[in-house]
Amino acid sequence: MRRLTVHITGARKTSIVTGTKTVEEKGKRKTLDVTKEILVNTLSVKNLKDTKEVESALNEIRSKHTIAIAKVTKGQWKGGQEMYYTSWQN
């Protein structure tokens, strides 16, 4: 099985609830949600069986999002390449 991970551009910040806190107002206790903003700029597709499924998932992501382009050669990407990779999973 394989996993496809894609870096996207134009990702928006999303608020998630990380817990709760109790606040006392005018003698009454009140429970409030604690939130934080996160930036989701990677997408992963898991349990892909072969290269054909990987290409299909990649084309579907391309139709909905813009894949990030490496600006300079760094790590596994050369400048100008789309930033995605596949890995083996158990």
C-alpha atoms as a PDB file:
ATOM      1  CA  MET A   1       0.000   0.000   0.000  1.00  0.00           C
ATOM      2  CA  ARG A   2       1.122   3.534  -0.703  1.00  0.00           C
ATOM      3  CA  ARG A   3       0.411   6.992   0.638  1.00  0.00           C
ATOM      4  CA  LEU A   4       0.409  10.147  -1.503  1.00  0.00           C
ATOM      5  CA  THR A   5       1.291  13.435   0.205  1.00  0.00           C
ATOM      6  CA  VAL A   6       0.803  16.702  -1.704  1.00  0.00           C
ATOM      7  CA  HIS A   7       1.832  20.238  -0.686  1.00  0.00           C
ATOM      8  CA  ILE A   8      -0.732  22.811  -1.812  1.00  0.00           C
ATOM      9  CA  THR A   9      -0.661  26.583  -2.222  1.00  0.00           C
ATOM     10  CA  GLY A  10      -3.351  29.014  -1.195  1.00  0.00           C
ATOM     11  CA  ALA A  11      -4.224  27.080   1.949  1.00  0.00           C
ATOM     12  CA  ARG A  12      -6.566  28.900   4.289  1.00  0.00           C
ATOM     13  CA  LYS A  13      -6.315  29.093   8.044  1.00  0.00           C
ATOM     14  CA  THR A  14      -8.825  26.928   9.880  1.00  0.00           C
ATOM     15  CA  SER A  15      -9.954  27.157  13.496  1.00  0.00           C
ATOM     16  CA  ILE A  16     -10.055  23.965  15.529  1.00  0.00           C
ATOM     17  CA  VAL A  17     -11.201  23.321  19.085  1.00  0.00           C
ATOM     18  CA  THR A  18      -8.276  22.150  21.206  1.00  0.00           C
ATOM     19  CA  GLY A  19     -10.036  21.866  24.555  1.00  0.00           C
ATOM     20  CA  THR A  20     -12.247  23.664  27.044  1.00  0.00           C
ATOM     21  CA  LYS A  21     -11.714  26.033  29.937  1.00  0.00           C
ATOM     22  CA  THR A  22     -13.937  27.054  32.802  1.00  0.00           C
ATOM     23  CA  VAL A  23     -14.490  30.748  33.492  1.00  0.00           C
ATOM     24  CA  GLU A  24     -16.337  32.276  36.420  1.00  0.00           C
ATOM     25  CA  GLU A  25     -18.599  35.233  35.638  1.00  0.00           C
ATOM     26  CA  LYS A  26     -20.775  36.911  38.260  1.00  0.00           C
ATOM     27  CA  GLY A  27     -20.588  33.889  40.510  1.00  0.00           C
ATOM     28  CA  LYS A  28     -21.540  31.416  37.764  1.00  0.00           C
ATOM     29  CA  ARG A  29     -19.224  28.935  36.079  1.00  0.00           C
ATOM     30  CA  LYS A  30     -19.160  28.897  32.327  1.00  0.00           C
ATOM     31  CA  THR A  31     -17.370  26.445  30.013  1.00  0.00           C
ATOM     32  CA  LEU A  32     -15.747  27.931  26.906  1.00  0.00           C
ATOM     33  CA  ASP A  33     -14.102  26.191  23.966  1.00  0.00           C
ATOM     34  CA  VAL A  34     -10.403  26.892  23.457  1.00  0.00           C
ATOM     35  CA  THR A  35      -9.589  27.277  19.756  1.00  0.00           C
ATOM     36  CA  LYS A  36      -6.469  27.834  17.724  1.00  0.00           C
ATOM     37  CA  GLU A  37      -5.846  28.589  14.067  1.00  0.00           C
ATOM     38  CA  ILE A  38      -3.953  26.067  11.980  1.00  0.00           C
ATOM     39  CA  LEU A  39      -2.729  26.131   8.399  1.00  0.00           C
ATOM     40  CA  VAL A  40      -3.515  22.949   6.484  1.00  0.00           C
ATOM     41  CA  ASN A  41      -1.128  23.022   3.521  1.00  0.00           C
ATOM     42  CA  THR A  42      -0.652  19.293   2.916  1.00  0.00           C
ATOM     43  CA  LEU A  43      -3.103  16.639   1.787  1.00  0.00           C
ATOM     44  CA  SER A  44      -2.567  12.896   2.201  1.00  0.00           C
ATOM     45  CA  VAL A  45      -4.341  10.045   0.465  1.00  0.00           C
ATOM     46  CA  LYS A  46      -3.791   6.645   2.048  1.00  0.00           C
ATOM     47  CA  ASN A  47      -4.248   3.003   1.042  1.00  0.00           C
ATOM     48  CA  LEU A  48      -3.399   3.360  -2.644  1.00  0.00           C
ATOM     49  CA  LYS A  49      -2.650  -0.033  -4.165  1.00  0.00           C
ATOM     50  CA  ASP A  50      -0.656   0.803  -7.296  1.00  0.00           C
ATOM     51  CA  THR A  51       0.767   3.576  -9.455  1.00  0.00           C
ATOM     52  CA  LYS A  52      -2.480   3.918 -11.380  1.00  0.00           C
ATOM     53  CA  GLU A  53      -4.389   4.754  -8.191  1.00  0.00           C
ATOM     54  CA  VAL A  54      -1.664   7.228  -7.182  1.00  0.00           C
ATOM     55  CA  GLU A  55      -1.954   9.025 -10.543  1.00  0.00           C
ATOM     56  CA  SER A  56      -5.755   9.057 -10.273  1.00  0.00           C
ATOM     57  CA  ALA A  57      -5.624  10.586  -6.772  1.00  0.00           C
ATOM     58  CA  LEU A  58      -3.026  13.130  -7.916  1.00  0.00           C
ATOM     59  CA  ASN A  59      -5.209  14.191 -10.870  1.00  0.00           C
ATOM     60  CA  GLU A  60      -8.200  14.582  -8.563  1.00  0.00           C
ATOM     61  CA  ILE A  61      -6.172  16.804  -6.214  1.00  0.00           C
ATOM     62  CA  ARG A  62      -4.902  18.825  -9.200  1.00  0.00           C
ATOM     63  CA  SER A  63      -8.499  19.493 -10.277  1.00  0.00           C
ATOM     64  CA  LYS A  64      -9.429  20.942  -6.860  1.00  0.00           C
ATOM     65  CA  HIS A  65      -6.179  22.525  -5.598  1.00  0.00           C
ATOM     66  CA  THR A  66      -2.958  24.103  -6.827  1.00  0.00           C
ATOM     67  CA  ILE A  67       0.082  21.973  -6.076  1.00  0.00           C
ATOM     68  CA  ALA A  68       3.010  23.950  -4.668  1.00  0.00           C
ATOM     69  CA  ILE A  69       6.058  24.425  -6.903  1.00  0.00           C
ATOM     70  CA  ALA A  70       9.550  24.259  -5.379  1.00  0.00           C
ATOM     71  CA  LYS A  71      11.252  27.644  -5.768  1.00  0.00           C
ATOM     72  CA  VAL A  72      14.813  26.450  -5.187  1.00  0.00           C
ATOM     73  CA  THR A  73      16.493  23.077  -5.168  1.00  0.00           C
ATOM     74  CA  LYS A  74      16.187  21.805  -1.611  1.00  0.00           C
ATOM     75  CA  GLY A  75      15.807  18.317  -0.211  1.00  0.00           C
ATOM     76  CA  GLN A  76      14.099  15.950  -2.613  1.00  0.00           C
ATOM     77  CA  TRP A  77      12.691  18.590  -4.977  1.00  0.00           C
ATOM     78  CA  LYS A  78      14.499  20.525  -7.666  1.00  0.00           C
ATOM     79  CA  GLY A  79      13.504  24.090  -8.440  1.00  0.00           C
ATOM     80  CA  GLY A  80      10.330  24.218 -10.548  1.00  0.00           C
ATOM     81  CA  GLN A  81       9.057  20.738  -9.604  1.00  0.00           C
ATOM     82  CA  GLU A  82       5.623  20.054  -8.129  1.00  0.00           C
ATOM     83  CA  MET A  83       5.885  19.200  -4.444  1.00  0.00           C
ATOM     84  CA  TYR A  84       4.374  15.773  -3.874  1.00  0.00           C
ATOM     85  CA  TYR A  85       5.707  12.371  -2.936  1.00  0.00           C
ATOM     86  CA  THR A  86       4.616   8.786  -2.347  1.00  0.00           C
ATOM     87  CA  SER A  87       5.683   6.523   0.467  1.00  0.00           C
ATOM     88  CA  TRP A  88       5.061   2.954   1.528  1.00  0.00           C
ATOM     89  CA  GLN A  89       2.691   2.327   4.399  1.00  0.00           C
ATOM     90  CA  ASN A  90       1.797  -0.785   6.366  1.00  0.00           C
END
